[in-house]
């Protein structure tokens, strides 16, 4: 259980380190993916007729 807790506590730091290693091209891919995800979330997942 302690191992799992330590791993979960290290996730933000590990993620930040991974972001620091990205090149310019990789950042463009991340930007495109986040933009598409944001667009899909703003658009919604249901039908308008069900409101």
Protein backbone atom coordinates (compact mmCIF):
# COMPACT_ATOMS: atom_id res chain seq x y z
CA UNK A 1 0.00 0.00 0.00
CA UNK A 2 2.85 2.39 0.79
CA UNK A 3 4.42 1.70 -2.63
CA UNK A 4 1.16 2.63 -4.36
CA UNK A 5 0.82 5.82 -2.31
CA UNK A 6 4.40 6.86 -3.17
CA UNK A 7 3.80 6.19 -6.87
CA UNK A 8 0.62 8.29 -6.85
CA UNK A 9 2.43 11.13 -5.08
CA UNK A 10 5.17 11.09 -7.75
CA UNK A 11 2.78 11.31 -10.72
CA UNK A 12 2.65 15.14 -10.92
CA UNK A 13 6.44 15.46 -10.76
CA UNK A 14 6.98 12.70 -13.31
CA UNK A 15 4.43 14.28 -15.64
CA UNK A 16 6.08 17.69 -15.31
CA UNK A 17 9.50 16.16 -16.08
CA UNK A 18 8.05 14.49 -19.19
CA UNK A 19 6.62 17.82 -20.39
CA UNK A 20 10.02 19.44 -19.93
CA UNK A 21 11.60 16.93 -22.32
CA UNK A 22 9.25 17.66 -25.23
CA UNK A 23 10.59 19.20 -28.42
CA UNK A 24 8.80 21.90 -30.40
CA UNK A 25 7.18 19.35 -32.74
CA UNK A 26 5.96 17.25 -29.83
CA UNK A 27 4.49 20.37 -28.19
CA UNK A 28 2.52 21.05 -31.39
CA UNK A 29 1.06 17.53 -31.22
CA UNK A 30 0.12 18.05 -27.55
CA UNK A 31 -1.46 21.41 -28.44
CA UNK A 32 -3.48 19.86 -31.27
CA UNK A 33 -4.68 16.98 -29.07
CA UNK A 34 -5.73 19.30 -26.24
CA UNK A 35 -7.49 21.62 -28.69
CA UNK A 36 -9.47 18.73 -30.21
CA UNK A 37 -10.36 17.42 -26.76
CA UNK A 38 -11.49 20.88 -25.66
CA UNK A 39 -13.60 21.29 -28.79
CA UNK A 40 -15.29 17.95 -28.20
CA UNK A 41 -16.00 18.81 -24.57
CA UNK A 42 -17.48 22.18 -25.51
CA UNK A 43 -19.61 20.58 -28.20
CA UNK A 44 -21.11 18.11 -25.77
CA UNK A 45 -21.78 14.43 -25.94
CA UNK A 46 -25.58 14.32 -26.16
CA UNK A 47 -28.25 15.22 -28.62
CA UNK A 48 -29.88 18.64 -28.41
CA UNK A 49 -33.31 17.09 -28.81
CA UNK A 50 -32.96 15.34 -25.45
CA UNK A 51 -32.90 18.63 -23.48
